[in-house]
């Protein structure tokens, strides 16, 4: 029933629980409740209870969980969906009307019903079944909408986007409801015979297709050039805050979608750990809307989070960040993550962001204080080793780290770094004092000139290796600025055991994890302050798949010896047979 005086059913139930203290909410949800209350009081906006209940009946009758079991909509899902299906307004539009008695037609001004909410943003903690909610909406539009539609789901990775498709594919296979049972009967190969005997809803290479309406739901990468220009009716954008997204993908989709009647964009994400991205800019715009700095009645915003980091210790507040706590994710899981955040510094920021909605920087210090403590002095004279090469960028160190395989899974570590005389002279006093310590222990060399001459570096390193009688059996190098050095090494030492180590989260994550494990077990035996210094500076940045990349927080926080250690480790793993 369409009414401009009715109170939305599921919002009313939610509001009663909030006012009674049964459901705690953050200030952002409070602000959205104020916006909904304003909408209820607006006589120009109409609530359609039949449309809401129709979506709920479809979801529970036709869809299943991924394991094939029955689906019952969560209260949060009903609350969110009510915003999309419940609210409408009327506008006057020129409509072409064919003549009844003869060819042609004419334009008439008519009062047309339109969807009020065209964009819905949901920021909710990990474990809230966000992808399932996206799936339900995509399935509804692809099957219930009788028009020909183009639908898109996108995410920072194709794997994440496919997670939205999988429950839909399962529901098609199960076909438990009357609609899906009808649409999945028949043969896909029947393209010329009776349409009644043809399968009508099918997963294909393109995505999921509805042959009755010639509609398509497909997965697309999260990039503007793949999303612009599409006249899509239903769109889901997954994890738009979680990746290092530098483009406004929602805006790109909206450009084409806004040309379609009753279009919709659903953008769902957990809080991110990447600052100053396009996602952060989008979030600031949403906060401006919530605060009433400007009005946008066509946007629905559910932003779940803790109000203060101190609330992490109070389980009674966790529903603020995760409204489905106790249903899709357990309190025990949350408690384990709280304990892990306390004891594992590397995981703290990710847990605070993903479980509690607290914006955090995406990096943590990679090594704990205990892991950076020096070991007893060892020289490793004449021993076989792998060497890692990280040549300087700007005023960074040119670093060489030697890795010596020992017994019981242990490795000896030595490093030797180079800077120019000009760089040393320009250091501030406190930093210069620190560098003097490195000079005294022999881990830092200062060469004449304003910039480092790589051939001078090569010759000094060669003399150092000879003096220590190190048996270098393989070399790993970062290709940046390394061609001249590596070419000479190959000419003088042969082409064997030389390995290029590509930089980036996908390639760095595994070796960094292995080095971290050895550091935790105190199996990296180093005795130089330079290694303590660079290990203490090392931070990592995680992408949406949990892959880590080595970084430094500030320019002066050098990590070059750690980068060279990673290169040496990769080369060693690829050439273990040389050490047998």
Protein backbone atom coordinates (compact mmCIF):
# COMPACT_ATOMS: atom_id res chain seq x y z
CA UNK A 1 0.00 0.00 0.00
CA UNK A 2 1.30 3.45 -0.96
CA UNK A 3 1.02 6.11 1.74
CA UNK A 4 2.63 9.44 2.62
CA UNK A 5 1.63 9.12 6.28
CA UNK A 6 2.73 5.58 7.11
CA UNK A 7 5.72 4.73 9.33
CA UNK A 8 8.06 2.15 7.80
CA UNK A 9 7.54 -1.16 9.60
CA UNK A 10 11.12 -2.34 10.02
CA UNK A 11 12.52 1.06 10.80
CA UNK A 12 9.85 1.48 13.48
CA UNK A 13 10.89 -1.81 15.07
CA UNK A 14 14.55 -0.77 14.95
CA UNK A 15 13.83 2.67 16.41
CA UNK A 16 11.83 1.17 19.28
CA UNK A 17 14.75 -1.13 20.14
CA UNK A 18 17.19 1.79 20.03
CA UNK A 19 15.01 4.02 22.23
CA UNK A 20 14.49 1.16 24.69
CA UNK A 21 18.25 0.63 24.95
CA UNK A 22 18.15 -2.87 23.47
CA UNK A 23 20.31 -1.88 20.48
CA UNK A 24 23.25 0.53 20.96
CA UNK A 25 24.02 2.78 17.99
CA UNK A 26 26.83 5.15 17.08
CA UNK A 27 26.32 8.83 16.36
CA UNK A 28 26.41 8.22 12.59
CA UNK A 29 23.44 5.83 12.80
CA UNK A 30 21.66 8.34 15.05
CA UNK A 31 22.10 10.99 12.35
CA UNK A 32 20.70 8.63 9.69
CA UNK A 33 17.70 7.94 11.95
CA UNK A 34 17.07 11.68 12.09
CA UNK A 35 17.13 11.76 8.27
CA UNK A 36 14.61 8.91 8.09
CA UNK A 37 12.36 10.66 10.62
CA UNK A 38 12.46 13.77 8.41
CA UNK A 39 11.54 11.64 5.40
CA UNK A 40 8.55 10.18 7.24
CA UNK A 41 7.29 13.68 8.00
CA UNK A 42 7.66 14.82 4.36
CA UNK A 43 4.27 14.60 2.57
CA UNK A 44 6.03 14.47 -0.79
CA UNK A 45 7.57 11.06 -0.02
CA UNK A 46 5.50 7.86 -0.11
CA UNK A 47 6.03 4.53 1.62
CA UNK A 48 5.13 1.35 -0.26
CA UNK A 49 4.77 -1.56 2.16
CA UNK A 50 3.84 -4.00 -0.62
CA UNK A 51 7.13 -3.41 -2.44
CA UNK A 52 9.10 -4.06 0.75
CA UNK A 53 7.24 -7.24 1.59
CA UNK A 54 7.51 -8.39 -2.01
CA UNK A 55 11.30 -8.25 -1.85
CA UNK A 56 11.33 -10.12 1.47
CA UNK A 57 9.04 -12.87 0.10
CA UNK A 58 11.23 -13.23 -3.00
CA UNK A 59 14.45 -13.49 -0.95
CA UNK A 60 13.13 -16.05 1.49
CA UNK A 61 11.22 -18.12 -1.08
CA UNK A 62 13.74 -18.21 -3.91
CA UNK A 63 17.21 -17.65 -2.48
CA UNK A 64 19.35 -19.91 -0.34
CA UNK A 65 22.51 -19.64 1.67
CA UNK A 66 25.70 -20.74 -0.06
CA UNK A 67 25.41 -24.20 1.50
CA UNK A 68 21.89 -24.53 0.11
CA UNK A 69 20.05 -24.10 3.42
CA UNK A 70 16.99 -21.91 3.84
CA UNK A 71 17.44 -18.17 4.07
CA UNK A 72 15.67 -15.92 6.56
CA UNK A 73 16.38 -12.22 6.22
CA UNK A 74 18.23 -10.62 9.08
CA UNK A 75 16.58 -7.57 10.71
CA UNK A 76 19.45 -5.44 9.36
CA UNK A 77 18.77 -6.65 5.81
CA UNK A 78 15.08 -5.74 6.15
CA UNK A 79 16.01 -2.31 7.51
CA UNK A 80 18.42 -1.62 4.64
CA UNK A 81 16.13 -3.01 1.93
CA UNK A 82 13.18 -1.03 3.25
CA UNK A 83 15.04 2.16 2.39
CA UNK A 84 15.44 1.01 -1.23
CA UNK A 85 12.05 -0.55 -1.92
CA UNK A 86 9.91 1.40 0.51
CA UNK A 87 10.37 5.01 -0.54
CA UNK A 88 8.95 6.67 -3.68
CA UNK A 89 8.03 10.07 -4.97
CA UNK A 90 6.08 11.43 -7.92
CA UNK A 91 7.33 13.72 -10.63
CA UNK A 92 5.80 15.15 -13.76
CA UNK A 93 7.28 13.90 -16.99
CA UNK A 94 6.47 14.12 -20.69
CA UNK A 95 5.46 10.63 -21.82
CA UNK A 96 4.98 9.53 -25.43
CA UNK A 97 1.52 8.00 -25.89
CA UNK A 98 0.69 6.13 -29.16
CA UNK A 99 -2.58 7.10 -30.79
CA UNK A 100 -5.37 4.49 -30.44
CA UNK A 101 -6.96 4.88 -33.85
CA UNK A 102 -4.11 5.70 -36.19
CA UNK A 103 -0.38 5.68 -36.55
CA UNK A 104 1.80 8.03 -34.58
CA UNK A 105 1.30 9.41 -31.16
CA UNK A 106 1.76 12.41 -28.93
CA UNK A 107 3.47 13.55 -25.72
CA UNK A 108 1.46 13.97 -22.52
CA UNK A 109 2.51 15.26 -19.12
CA UNK A 110 1.92 12.54 -16.58
CA UNK A 111 2.60 12.00 -12.90
CA UNK A 112 5.25 9.28 -12.77
CA UNK A 113 6.22 7.20 -9.70
CA UNK A 114 9.99 7.04 -9.14
CA UNK A 115 12.32 5.36 -6.67
CA UNK A 116 13.51 7.85 -4.04
CA UNK A 117 16.73 6.10 -3.02
CA UNK A 118 19.19 5.72 -5.89
CA UNK A 119 22.34 5.21 -3.82
CA UNK A 120 22.80 3.25 -0.63
CA UNK A 121 26.08 3.23 1.25
CA UNK A 122 26.67 0.68 4.01
CA UNK A 123 29.86 0.71 6.08
CA UNK A 124 29.74 -2.26 8.43
CA UNK A 125 32.27 -4.47 10.15
CA UNK A 126 33.65 -7.68 8.70
CA UNK A 127 31.46 -10.75 9.16
CA UNK A 128 28.11 -9.03 8.58
CA UNK A 129 27.18 -11.02 5.43
CA UNK A 130 27.47 -7.90 3.28
CA UNK A 131 28.02 -9.90 0.08
CA UNK A 132 24.83 -11.86 0.67
CA UNK A 133 22.80 -8.66 0.89
CA UNK A 134 24.33 -7.51 -2.41
CA UNK A 135 23.45 -10.87 -3.94
CA UNK A 136 19.80 -10.64 -2.89
CA UNK A 137 19.36 -7.26 -4.53
CA UNK A 138 21.10 -8.33 -7.74
CA UNK A 139 18.97 -11.48 -7.94
CA UNK A 140 15.75 -9.56 -7.37
CA UNK A 141 16.40 -7.03 -10.09
CA UNK A 142 17.55 -9.66 -12.58
CA UNK A 143 14.47 -11.83 -12.17
CA UNK A 144 11.56 -9.64 -11.01
CA UNK A 145 12.26 -6.62 -13.23
CA UNK A 146 10.57 -7.29 -16.58
CA UNK A 147 12.58 -4.69 -18.49
CA UNK A 148 15.86 -5.47 -20.22
CA UNK A 149 18.57 -4.54 -17.74
CA UNK A 150 22.33 -4.47 -17.52
CA UNK A 151 23.65 -5.08 -13.99
CA UNK A 152 27.20 -4.88 -12.69
CA UNK A 153 29.02 -5.91 -9.54
CA UNK A 154 32.55 -4.68 -8.91
CA UNK A 155 35.20 -4.90 -6.19
CA UNK A 156 38.94 -4.16 -5.75
CA UNK A 157 39.63 -7.72 -6.92
CA UNK A 158 37.69 -9.99 -9.26
CA UNK A 159 37.69 -12.68 -6.57
CA UNK A 160 35.84 -10.36 -4.18
CA UNK A 161 33.32 -9.44 -6.85
CA UNK A 162 32.70 -13.11 -7.62
CA UNK A 163 31.70 -13.61 -3.97
CA UNK A 164 28.57 -11.60 -4.76
CA UNK A 165 27.74 -13.96 -7.64
CA UNK A 166 28.28 -17.26 -5.83
CA UNK A 167 25.12 -17.31 -3.63
CA UNK A 168 23.07 -16.41 -6.72
CA UNK A 169 24.60 -19.32 -8.65
CA UNK A 170 23.81 -21.63 -5.71
CA UNK A 171 20.20 -20.44 -5.60
CA UNK A 172 19.83 -21.10 -9.34
CA UNK A 173 21.21 -24.61 -8.91
CA UNK A 174 18.91 -25.33 -5.96
CA UNK A 175 15.84 -23.68 -7.56
CA UNK A 176 13.86 -24.17 -4.35
CA UNK A 177 11.22 -21.52 -5.09
CA UNK A 178 8.50 -21.53 -7.77
CA UNK A 179 10.06 -18.70 -9.81
CA UNK A 180 13.55 -20.17 -10.01
CA UNK A 181 12.06 -23.63 -10.57
CA UNK A 182 10.21 -22.29 -13.61
CA UNK A 183 13.15 -20.29 -14.97
CA UNK A 184 15.68 -23.10 -14.68
CA UNK A 185 13.58 -25.79 -16.36
CA UNK A 186 14.32 -26.73 -19.95
CA UNK A 187 17.47 -26.83 -22.06
CA UNK A 188 20.04 -24.13 -22.66
CA UNK A 189 20.73 -25.66 -26.07
CA UNK A 190 17.13 -25.07 -27.18
CA UNK A 191 17.57 -21.74 -28.98
CA UNK A 192 15.26 -22.19 -31.96
CA UNK A 193 12.35 -24.21 -30.61
CA UNK A 194 9.66 -23.28 -28.13
CA UNK A 195 10.70 -20.54 -25.69
CA UNK A 196 8.78 -22.39 -23.01
CA UNK A 197 11.22 -25.30 -23.30
CA UNK A 198 14.32 -23.15 -22.99
CA UNK A 199 16.22 -22.56 -19.77
CA UNK A 200 15.65 -18.92 -18.89
CA UNK A 201 18.02 -18.08 -16.01
CA UNK A 202 21.56 -19.33 -16.56
CA UNK A 203 25.11 -18.70 -15.29
CA UNK A 204 27.25 -18.16 -18.40
CA UNK A 205 30.74 -16.97 -19.26
CA UNK A 206 29.35 -13.43 -19.35
CA UNK A 207 27.90 -13.65 -15.83
CA UNK A 208 24.28 -14.55 -15.08
CA UNK A 209 21.76 -14.08 -17.91
CA UNK A 210 17.96 -13.85 -17.96
CA UNK A 211 16.94 -14.95 -21.46
CA UNK A 212 13.30 -14.00 -20.88
CA UNK A 213 14.21 -10.31 -20.63
CA UNK A 214 17.65 -10.41 -22.30
CA UNK A 215 19.15 -9.07 -19.08
CA UNK A 216 22.71 -9.59 -17.84
CA UNK A 217 24.48 -9.43 -14.48
CA UNK A 218 28.25 -9.33 -14.91
CA UNK A 219 31.43 -8.83 -12.89
CA UNK A 220 33.69 -5.92 -13.80
CA UNK A 221 37.04 -4.71 -12.42
CA UNK A 222 36.96 -1.69 -10.12
CA UNK A 223 38.41 0.86 -12.52
CA UNK A 224 36.83 3.90 -14.15
CA UNK A 225 37.66 2.87 -17.70
CA UNK A 226 35.76 -0.43 -17.18
CA UNK A 227 32.72 1.21 -15.55
CA UNK A 228 32.18 4.49 -17.39
CA UNK A 229 29.54 4.75 -20.06
CA UNK A 230 27.48 1.76 -18.90
CA UNK A 231 23.70 2.27 -18.75
CA UNK A 232 23.28 -0.06 -15.81
CA UNK A 233 20.17 -0.29 -13.67
CA UNK A 234 21.45 -2.22 -10.66
CA UNK A 235 25.03 -1.90 -9.45
CA UNK A 236 26.88 -3.24 -6.42
CA UNK A 237 30.27 -1.86 -5.37
CA UNK A 238 32.00 -4.10 -2.85
CA UNK A 239 34.74 -3.04 -0.40
CA UNK A 240 35.08 0.48 -1.79
CA UNK A 241 36.89 1.59 1.38
CA UNK A 242 39.18 -1.38 1.76
CA UNK A 243 41.42 -1.01 -1.27
CA UNK A 244 43.83 1.69 -2.35
CA UNK A 245 41.23 3.10 -4.72
CA UNK A 246 42.31 6.36 -6.34
CA UNK A 247 39.21 6.76 -8.53
CA UNK A 248 35.60 7.62 -7.74
CA UNK A 249 34.09 4.42 -9.12
CA UNK A 250 30.61 5.22 -7.76
CA UNK A 251 30.65 8.51 -9.65
CA UNK A 252 31.78 6.71 -12.80
CA UNK A 253 28.91 4.23 -12.56
CA UNK A 254 26.39 6.97 -11.77
CA UNK A 255 27.18 8.87 -14.97
CA UNK A 256 25.64 6.11 -17.07
CA UNK A 257 23.17 4.65 -14.57
CA UNK A 258 21.41 7.98 -14.04
CA UNK A 259 20.12 7.75 -17.62
CA UNK A 260 18.05 4.68 -16.65
CA UNK A 261 14.71 4.79 -14.80
CA UNK A 262 14.83 3.75 -11.13
CA UNK A 263 18.56 3.00 -11.19
CA UNK A 264 20.33 1.92 -8.03
CA UNK A 265 23.91 1.79 -6.76
CA UNK A 266 24.63 -0.19 -3.60
CA UNK A 267 28.12 0.47 -2.16
CA UNK A 268 29.04 -1.81 0.73
CA UNK A 269 32.34 -1.98 2.61
CA UNK A 270 34.07 -2.50 5.89
CA UNK A 271 36.19 0.38 7.16
CA UNK A 272 39.45 0.81 5.31
CA UNK A 273 43.09 0.99 6.34
CA UNK A 274 44.19 3.15 3.39
CA UNK A 275 44.11 6.85 4.06
CA UNK A 276 43.71 9.71 1.57
CA UNK A 277 42.14 7.44 -1.05
CA UNK A 278 39.04 8.12 -3.15
CA UNK A 279 37.14 5.99 -0.62
CA UNK A 280 38.02 8.39 2.18
CA UNK A 281 36.84 11.34 0.06
CA UNK A 282 33.53 9.58 -0.57
CA UNK A 283 33.15 8.90 3.14
CA UNK A 284 33.70 12.57 3.98
CA UNK A 285 30.89 13.48 1.55
CA UNK A 286 28.60 10.99 3.29
CA UNK A 287 29.43 12.48 6.69
CA UNK A 288 28.55 15.94 5.37
CA UNK A 289 25.15 14.58 4.31
CA UNK A 290 24.61 12.93 7.70
CA UNK A 291 25.48 16.17 9.50
CA UNK A 292 22.99 18.06 7.36
CA UNK A 293 25.59 20.26 5.69
CA UNK A 294 23.68 19.64 2.50
CA UNK A 295 20.52 17.71 1.66
CA UNK A 296 20.49 14.57 -0.48
CA UNK A 297 17.20 12.66 -0.04
CA UNK A 298 18.23 10.15 -2.72
CA UNK A 299 21.10 8.69 -0.68
CA UNK A 300 20.73 6.19 2.16
CA UNK A 301 23.66 5.87 4.58
CA UNK A 302 24.22 3.22 7.25
CA UNK A 303 27.62 3.81 8.85
CA UNK A 304 28.26 1.38 11.72
CA UNK A 305 31.24 1.91 14.02
CA UNK A 306 32.32 2.36 17.61
CA UNK A 307 32.24 5.94 18.82
CA UNK A 308 35.52 5.61 20.72
CA UNK A 309 38.45 3.21 20.70
CA UNK A 310 37.90 2.70 24.44
CA UNK A 311 34.67 0.83 23.60
CA UNK A 312 36.68 -2.03 22.11
CA UNK A 313 37.00 -3.42 25.64
CA UNK A 314 33.22 -3.33 26.22
CA UNK A 315 31.27 -6.15 24.49
CA UNK A 316 27.97 -4.34 25.13
CA UNK A 317 29.00 -1.71 22.55
CA UNK A 318 30.08 -4.06 19.75
CA UNK A 319 26.64 -4.02 18.11
CA UNK A 320 27.41 -0.42 17.14
CA UNK A 321 29.96 -1.73 14.64
CA UNK A 322 28.37 -5.06 13.76
CA UNK A 323 24.53 -5.14 13.81
CA UNK A 324 24.54 -8.86 12.93
CA UNK A 325 26.72 -9.85 15.88
CA UNK A 326 25.48 -13.13 17.30
CA UNK A 327 23.89 -14.08 13.96
CA UNK A 328 26.53 -14.02 11.22
CA UNK A 329 29.58 -13.68 13.48
CA UNK A 330 29.95 -14.73 17.12
CA UNK A 331 30.90 -12.77 20.21
CA UNK A 332 33.65 -15.37 20.72
CA UNK A 333 35.20 -14.42 17.37
CA UNK A 334 35.20 -10.78 18.37
CA UNK A 335 36.71 -11.56 21.77
CA UNK A 336 39.51 -13.57 20.14
CA UNK A 337 40.27 -10.64 17.82
CA UNK A 338 40.36 -8.23 20.77
CA UNK A 339 42.89 -10.48 22.51
CA UNK A 340 44.89 -10.81 19.30
CA UNK A 341 44.98 -7.02 18.85
CA UNK A 342 46.45 -6.73 22.34
CA UNK A 343 49.20 -9.30 21.76
CA UNK A 344 49.98 -9.00 18.04
CA UNK A 345 50.83 -5.39 17.14
CA UNK A 346 50.96 -6.19 13.42
CA UNK A 347 47.27 -7.14 13.46
CA UNK A 348 45.98 -4.32 15.65
CA UNK A 349 45.12 -1.71 13.04
CA UNK A 350 43.40 -4.20 10.76
CA UNK A 351 41.24 -5.51 13.62
CA UNK A 352 40.27 -2.05 14.83
CA UNK A 353 39.24 -1.04 11.30
CA UNK A 354 37.60 -4.25 10.07
CA UNK A 355 35.90 -5.40 13.27
CA UNK A 356 35.07 -2.11 14.97
CA UNK A 357 34.88 0.45 12.16
CA UNK A 358 37.63 2.66 13.59
CA UNK A 359 39.61 4.30 10.75
CA UNK A 360 43.26 3.35 11.07
CA UNK A 361 46.40 3.72 9.05
CA UNK A 362 47.00 0.58 7.05
CA UNK A 363 50.52 0.05 8.32
CA UNK A 364 51.94 -1.40 11.47
CA UNK A 365 55.52 -1.87 12.54
CA UNK A 366 56.54 -5.17 11.05
CA UNK A 367 58.97 -6.34 13.71
CA UNK A 368 58.38 -6.21 17.45
CA UNK A 369 60.95 -4.65 19.72
CA UNK A 370 62.15 -8.08 20.87
CA UNK A 371 62.69 -9.18 17.27
CA UNK A 372 65.05 -6.26 16.60
CA UNK A 373 67.41 -7.01 19.51
CA UNK A 374 70.95 -7.89 18.41
CA UNK A 375 72.46 -11.33 18.88
CA UNK A 376 75.96 -12.26 20.00
CA UNK A 377 78.68 -11.29 17.57
CA UNK A 378 79.59 -13.74 14.81
CA UNK A 379 81.78 -13.22 11.77
CA UNK A 380 80.74 -16.05 9.40
CA UNK A 381 84.22 -16.07 7.82
CA UNK A 382 84.46 -18.07 4.62
CA UNK A 383 80.87 -19.30 4.77
CA UNK A 384 78.50 -19.73 1.80
CA UNK A 385 75.82 -17.07 1.53
CA UNK A 386 73.16 -15.37 -0.53
CA UNK A 387 73.39 -11.63 -1.08
CA UNK A 388 70.51 -9.18 -1.50
CA UNK A 389 70.99 -5.92 -3.39
CA UNK A 390 68.88 -2.79 -2.86
CA UNK A 391 70.37 0.18 -4.68
CA UNK A 392 69.64 3.70 -3.51
CA UNK A 393 66.78 5.92 -4.48
CA UNK A 394 67.52 9.56 -3.65
CA UNK A 395 69.21 9.79 -0.26
CA UNK A 396 68.44 6.20 0.75
CA UNK A 397 71.15 3.67 1.54
CA UNK A 398 72.54 1.44 -1.14
CA UNK A 399 72.28 -1.75 0.86
CA UNK A 400 73.76 -5.25 0.60
CA UNK A 401 72.59 -7.89 3.03
CA UNK A 402 74.31 -11.27 3.34
CA UNK A 403 72.31 -14.32 4.41
CA UNK A 404 74.24 -17.35 5.73
CA UNK A 405 72.36 -20.69 6.07
CA UNK A 406 73.13 -22.29 9.46
CA UNK A 407 71.89 -25.37 11.29
CA UNK A 408 68.38 -25.85 12.79
CA UNK A 409 66.72 -23.41 10.37
CA UNK A 410 68.79 -20.44 11.50
CA UNK A 411 70.44 -17.83 9.28
CA UNK A 412 73.31 -15.49 9.91
CA UNK A 413 72.82 -11.91 8.72
CA UNK A 414 75.34 -9.20 7.85
CA UNK A 415 74.65 -5.92 6.10
CA UNK A 416 76.81 -3.30 4.41
CA UNK A 417 75.39 0.04 3.28
CA UNK A 418 76.66 3.03 1.33
CA UNK A 419 75.83 6.74 1.16
CA UNK A 420 77.55 9.69 -0.51
CA UNK A 421 79.72 12.17 1.34
CA UNK A 422 77.26 14.93 0.42
CA UNK A 423 74.36 13.03 1.99
CA UNK A 424 76.32 12.50 5.20
CA UNK A 425 77.23 16.21 5.49
CA UNK A 426 73.61 17.28 5.07
CA UNK A 427 72.30 15.10 7.91
CA UNK A 428 70.84 16.79 11.01
CA UNK A 429 72.87 16.42 14.16
CA UNK A 430 70.93 13.62 15.86
CA UNK A 431 70.83 11.53 12.69
CA UNK A 432 74.52 12.08 12.00
CA UNK A 433 75.34 10.81 15.49
CA UNK A 434 73.37 7.64 14.78
CA UNK A 435 75.14 7.18 11.46
CA UNK A 436 78.51 7.56 13.21
CA UNK A 437 77.63 4.40 15.17
CA UNK A 438 77.05 2.56 11.90
CA UNK A 439 80.39 3.81 10.58
CA UNK A 440 82.23 2.52 13.64
CA UNK A 441 80.71 -0.97 13.40
CA UNK A 442 81.48 -1.16 9.67
CA UNK A 443 77.89 -1.49 8.44
CA UNK A 444 77.95 1.95 6.72
CA UNK A 445 80.47 3.28 4.23
CA UNK A 446 80.66 6.91 3.07
CA UNK A 447 82.04 7.36 -0.46
CA UNK A 448 83.31 10.60 -1.99
CA UNK A 449 81.11 12.70 -4.25
CA UNK A 450 77.65 14.19 -4.38
CA UNK A 451 76.06 10.98 -5.65
CA UNK A 452 77.07 7.36 -5.37
CA UNK A 453 79.09 5.93 -8.25
CA UNK A 454 77.84 2.34 -8.53
CA UNK A 455 81.15 1.12 -9.91
CA UNK A 456 82.94 2.53 -6.86
CA UNK A 457 80.35 0.78 -4.70
CA UNK A 458 80.91 -2.44 -6.66
CA UNK A 459 84.67 -2.35 -6.16
CA UNK A 460 84.42 -1.62 -2.43
CA UNK A 461 81.90 -4.42 -1.97
CA UNK A 462 84.08 -6.81 -3.97
CA UNK A 463 87.06 -6.01 -1.75
CA UNK A 464 84.92 -6.50 1.38
CA UNK A 465 83.67 -9.91 0.20
CA UNK A 466 87.24 -10.97 -0.56
CA UNK A 467 88.51 -9.81 2.83
CA UNK A 468 85.82 -11.83 4.64
CA UNK A 469 86.23 -14.76 2.21
CA UNK A 470 82.43 -14.95 1.82
CA UNK A 471 81.33 -17.62 -0.65
CA UNK A 472 78.50 -15.81 -2.49
CA UNK A 473 76.44 -18.44 -4.32
CA UNK A 474 73.40 -16.40 -5.41
CA UNK A 475 72.24 -12.81 -5.68
CA UNK A 476 68.75 -11.28 -5.47
CA UNK A 477 68.21 -7.73 -6.63
CA UNK A 478 65.56 -5.05 -6.90
CA UNK A 479 65.74 -4.06 -10.59
CA UNK A 480 65.50 -0.32 -9.83
CA UNK A 481 68.75 1.35 -10.95
CA UNK A 482 70.49 -2.03 -10.91
CA UNK A 483 71.33 -2.76 -14.56
CA UNK A 484 74.95 -1.53 -14.51
CA UNK A 485 75.74 -3.26 -11.22
CA UNK A 486 74.13 -6.59 -12.12
CA UNK A 487 75.66 -6.64 -15.60
CA UNK A 488 79.15 -6.32 -14.15
CA UNK A 489 78.40 -8.94 -11.48
CA UNK A 490 77.24 -11.37 -14.17
CA UNK A 491 80.31 -10.71 -16.33
CA UNK A 492 82.71 -11.30 -13.46
CA UNK A 493 80.91 -14.06 -11.53
CA UNK A 494 78.84 -15.86 -14.14
CA UNK A 495 75.09 -15.85 -14.84
CA UNK A 496 74.08 -18.49 -12.31
CA UNK A 497 72.03 -17.72 -9.21
CA UNK A 498 71.11 -14.16 -10.21
CA UNK A 499 67.45 -13.48 -9.41
CA UNK A 500 65.32 -10.42 -10.09
CA UNK A 501 62.98 -9.68 -7.14
CA UNK A 502 59.89 -7.78 -8.29
CA UNK A 503 58.56 -5.26 -5.78
CA UNK A 504 54.87 -5.14 -4.80
CA UNK A 505 52.39 -6.62 -2.33
CA UNK A 506 51.74 -9.77 -4.39
CA UNK A 507 55.41 -10.69 -4.66
CA UNK A 508 56.61 -9.40 -1.30
CA UNK A 509 53.93 -10.84 0.95
CA UNK A 510 55.12 -14.46 1.09
CA UNK A 511 58.85 -13.78 1.65
CA UNK A 512 58.03 -11.08 4.20
CA UNK A 513 55.84 -13.54 6.08
CA UNK A 514 58.64 -16.11 6.12
CA UNK A 515 61.17 -13.56 7.35
CA UNK A 516 58.72 -12.50 10.03
CA UNK A 517 58.36 -16.10 11.21
CA UNK A 518 62.14 -16.46 11.48
CA UNK A 519 62.40 -13.17 13.37
CA UNK A 520 59.70 -14.28 15.82
CA UNK A 521 61.62 -17.50 16.48
CA UNK A 522 64.89 -15.54 16.81
CA UNK A 523 66.43 -17.47 13.92
CA UNK A 524 67.83 -14.38 12.16
CA UNK A 525 71.23 -13.97 13.82
CA UNK A 526 72.43 -10.39 13.31
CA UNK A 527 74.81 -8.39 15.47
CA UNK A 528 74.80 -4.94 13.81
CA UNK A 529 73.00 -1.80 14.95
CA UNK A 530 72.22 -1.09 11.30
CA UNK A 531 69.93 -4.14 11.17
CA UNK A 532 68.28 -3.17 14.44
CA UNK A 533 67.73 0.34 13.05
CA UNK A 534 66.25 -0.71 9.71
CA UNK A 535 64.13 -3.51 11.18
CA UNK A 536 62.70 -1.06 13.69
CA UNK A 537 61.72 1.30 10.86
CA UNK A 538 60.02 -1.32 8.70
CA UNK A 539 56.27 -1.09 8.34
CA UNK A 540 53.93 -2.95 6.04
CA UNK A 541 50.85 -1.94 4.10
CA UNK A 542 48.15 -4.54 3.51
CA UNK A 543 45.89 -4.71 0.46
CA UNK A 544 42.32 -6.09 0.48
CA UNK A 545 43.59 -9.67 0.13
CA UNK A 546 45.89 -9.41 3.14
CA UNK A 547 49.04 -9.17 1.01
CA UNK A 548 51.80 -7.08 2.59
CA UNK A 549 54.25 -4.63 1.09
CA UNK A 550 57.34 -3.26 2.81
CA UNK A 551 57.30 0.49 3.45
CA UNK A 552 58.75 3.19 5.68
CA UNK A 553 56.61 5.70 7.56
CA UNK A 554 58.92 8.67 7.03
CA UNK A 555 61.72 9.59 4.68
CA UNK A 556 64.40 9.39 7.35
CA UNK A 557 63.29 5.94 8.51
CA UNK A 558 65.58 3.80 6.39
CA UNK A 559 64.60 0.19 5.68
CA UNK A 560 67.10 -0.63 2.93
CA UNK A 561 68.89 -3.45 4.76
CA UNK A 562 65.55 -5.18 5.37
CA UNK A 563 64.63 -4.82 1.69
CA UNK A 564 68.00 -6.32 0.77
CA UNK A 565 67.40 -9.13 3.30
CA UNK A 566 64.15 -9.98 1.52
CA UNK A 567 66.00 -10.03 -1.84
CA UNK A 568 68.65 -12.33 -0.39
CA UNK A 569 65.99 -14.66 1.02
CA UNK A 570 64.15 -14.93 -2.32
CA UNK A 571 67.42 -15.71 -4.13
CA UNK A 572 68.32 -18.34 -1.51
CA UNK A 573 64.94 -20.09 -1.83
CA UNK A 574 65.31 -20.26 -5.62
CA UNK A 575 68.83 -21.67 -5.38
CA UNK A 576 68.78 -23.99 -2.36
CA UNK A 577 70.50 -26.69 -4.36
CA UNK A 578 73.62 -24.53 -4.49
CA UNK A 579 73.93 -24.85 -0.71
CA UNK A 580 73.67 -28.65 -0.47
